[in-house]
Amino acid sequence: MRMCVRCEVTTETPVLVGVVHQNSGPGFVVYACHLCAAHYPPQPDVLTVLAPPRRAGSAQ
């Protein structure tokens, strides 16, 4: 059971719409109900967004 970040109604089927990272402690997850979740862009897959690591000694 979570509260929707947009309409502030509690829902038993929350949709993850964001993750807030913080430097000075744990971050938090932002949820929305199914109706409000359509107003948020889809979350990117972190593994596809990051550039591949460079190998040591490779020329640029």
Protein backbone atom coordinates (compact mmCIF):
# COMPACT_ATOMS: atom_id res chain seq x y z
CA MET A 1 0.00 0.00 0.00
CA ARG A 2 1.55 3.29 -1.14
CA MET A 3 0.40 6.86 -1.63
CA CYS A 4 0.32 8.31 -5.14
CA VAL A 5 2.75 11.22 -5.52
CA ARG A 6 0.35 13.06 -7.85
CA CYS A 7 -3.19 12.62 -6.48
CA GLU A 8 -2.18 11.60 -2.92
CA VAL A 9 -4.62 8.66 -2.85
CA THR A 10 -3.41 5.38 -1.35
CA THR A 11 -3.31 2.45 -3.74
CA GLU A 12 -2.73 -1.27 -3.33
CA THR A 13 -1.18 -1.48 -6.82
CA PRO A 14 1.48 1.29 -6.90
CA VAL A 15 3.59 1.95 -9.99
CA LEU A 16 7.22 3.02 -9.56
CA VAL A 17 7.64 6.39 -11.33
CA GLY A 18 10.94 7.63 -9.94
CA VAL A 19 13.94 7.04 -7.71
CA VAL A 20 15.49 9.98 -5.86
CA HIS A 21 19.19 9.54 -5.01
CA GLN A 22 20.80 11.57 -2.24
CA ASN A 23 24.42 12.20 -1.32
CA SER A 24 23.85 12.48 2.41
CA GLY A 25 21.81 9.37 3.15
CA PRO A 26 19.42 6.89 1.64
CA GLY A 27 17.26 8.00 -1.25
CA PHE A 28 13.63 7.12 -1.75
CA VAL A 29 11.28 5.64 -4.33
CA VAL A 30 8.35 7.61 -5.79
CA TYR A 31 5.11 5.78 -6.55
CA ALA A 32 1.90 6.69 -8.41
CA CYS A 33 -1.46 5.02 -8.91
CA HIS A 34 -2.16 3.45 -12.32
CA LEU A 35 -4.17 6.44 -13.54
CA CYS A 36 -1.50 8.99 -12.60
CA ALA A 37 1.44 6.83 -13.73
CA ALA A 38 0.59 7.70 -17.35
CA HIS A 39 1.70 11.30 -16.62
CA TYR A 40 5.29 10.22 -15.91
CA PRO A 41 7.88 9.13 -18.48
CA PRO A 42 9.04 5.50 -18.35
CA GLN A 43 12.10 4.86 -16.18
CA PRO A 44 15.24 4.12 -18.22
CA ASP A 45 17.13 0.89 -17.66
CA VAL A 46 20.35 1.98 -15.95
CA LEU A 47 22.36 -0.76 -17.64
CA THR A 48 21.46 0.55 -21.10
CA VAL A 49 22.01 4.24 -20.27
CA LEU A 50 25.55 3.93 -18.94
CA ALA A 51 28.46 3.95 -21.38
CA PRO A 52 30.49 0.74 -21.53
CA PRO A 53 33.56 0.85 -19.26
CA ARG A 54 36.92 1.68 -20.84
CA ARG A 55 39.67 -0.88 -20.66
CA ALA A 56 42.94 0.08 -19.06
CA GLY A 57 45.60 0.88 -21.65
CA SER A 58 43.22 1.28 -24.58
CA ALA A 59 43.89 4.19 -26.92
CA GLN A 60 41.25 6.84 -27.47
